[in-house]
Amino acid sequence: MTHFTRRITLALFVSLCSTLPVHAANASKDDARNQANAAAAQIKKVGLEQAVKDINGGAEWKAKEMNVNVVDFKGVVLASSLNEKLRGKDTLESKDPSGKAFVKEFIATAQKGEGWVDYQFINPVSKKLEERSMFVKRAPGAEAFVAVAITKQ
């Protein structure tokens, strides 16, 4: 992957973590966990393919303007409720401003079941460094995970 491609991929993945950060900053850890659990339940109910379509298009996946994401274990974004530019993007090698390979950590956490991963990102609106926390949960019956981020207060 070229340096330019890595930078573009990182920029796109940053938006995965928070497309509308001013509003998503008001979401709590419980909000993020509940939204991720609802997405996982949708995957279990209708299957991964249909759930991805639902998450990409349904208003219920934009609660508190949190970005609900489904990412496969290869780092490819399958669904992004708020950012259609991310869909289909390979984010596996993305790193935050501190150099943390946060997507790989998301995957490792989801492979164990679920959990929180802290990372940094540059807010695309304010251009300020923010501390974020992503709740990740393995998608039932799939080699993928659901992820919803909040801004740490």
Foldseek 3Di string as FASTA:
>chain_A
DDPVLQVVLQVLVLCLQPVPQVQLQPDDPVNFVVLQVVLLVVCVVPNDVVSQVCLCDPPVVCVSHWWKWKAALQQQTCHTNNDPVRHRGRNQQHAAPVRHSVSNVLLVQQVVFKDKDWHWHQDPVVRDIFIKIKIWGHRPPHRIIIITMYTDD
